[in-house]
Amino acid sequence: MPDFRQIPVRCREQGQRALERVRHARHPLHGWRRWAVIAIQAAVGLLLLFALVNLALWFSIDRPGGPVRQALWEAEALFYSPLDGDQAPDHAFTALYGDVLGADPDATAIRTYFEAQVRREQFVLEHVMVQRMLTVNGGLDARVFPTGVYVGLRAIGPDEAPMVYVTRHLAHFMFFPRHAYILVVPEHGEARAFSASVNDKLGDDVDNPDHLRATLQAYDMDAYDFPASGQAIHLMIRISDEVASDALERLETAVERLEEAQVTYGVLAPNSNTVIGCLLEDADVMTRAERSGALLALRAPGLGADCV
């Protein structure tokens, strides 16, 4: 009969021998080739670290039904999200919302659904639901969505095939940064989105494509931050349930000030998320300490950077 007391000792001895072999192993490459391999390994390791951090942050957020159930739901929503310009299959809405809204809800039922959702710290606005809003209401406004001022966060990913099939799940669950924008839903009229990015991404043919600028436009299929196949799931936070008359005016002023500032984009700061963060701080929605918090900085790099 084997002596089970000796098993831990043997395992420890085998581990030590394996470690010694690694320590004294000769590297098969030398010179610049060796350092090139080491650099590639370091880059891959850093990428995997970012992926694990973002995945951990995703699970740390309070989710309806628990993180595992919500992860499955969001993965299904990404799967059903159509390519840019296409329509989701007829059964997509029923698969995602049939248990709570039925197969063919009207505008009032959709608004009632979101009135319950906005009470959460964060809730989801995704591509298939927005497509249904367009079908029953013609757009997003107070008839299908509660009035207020919202901050939206979406993953950065491609909209078109073939890369969207590979990256949209990875971008949503495992890679950051997130792109932030502000959505205003007034009591009357269409919702409007304040989006900031570089001139080049906003489609402007100008002499300075790397300068930051902002747009304030109708939240429709032509808007920069409208849900699309590569950025199909948006995490939304309602920061105010009262849309004051000066909310849009303040954003219009921000558009003008940013255009005059001629700020050059920076990977870490300043960037488009910095613009959103500074607006929230100026409006007393969050303090500077909150805006510079580690969680916000990791989920949306640049949000906590110094204002410009």
Foldseek 3Di string as FASTA:
>chain_A
DDDVVCVVVVVVVVVVVVVVCVVPPDDPDDDPVVVVVVVVVVVVVVLQVQQVVQLVLQQVFDDVPHDVVVLVLVVLLLVQFDFQPDAGDLCSCCVNCCVPANSQHALQSQQVVQVVVQVGQKDKDFRNNQVSCCVRPVGDACSRHAFAKKKKKWFDFDRHPDRLVVPLSSRGNGHDAIAIWMWGHDPDDAIKIKFKAFQVLLPHDDPARQAMAIDIGGQDSSDPPNAGSSGGMMIMHGLTNDDDPCPVVVSVVLRVVSVVVRHGADPQDDGRLCSVLVVCCVVVSDPLCVQLDPSNCSHHGNSNDDHD
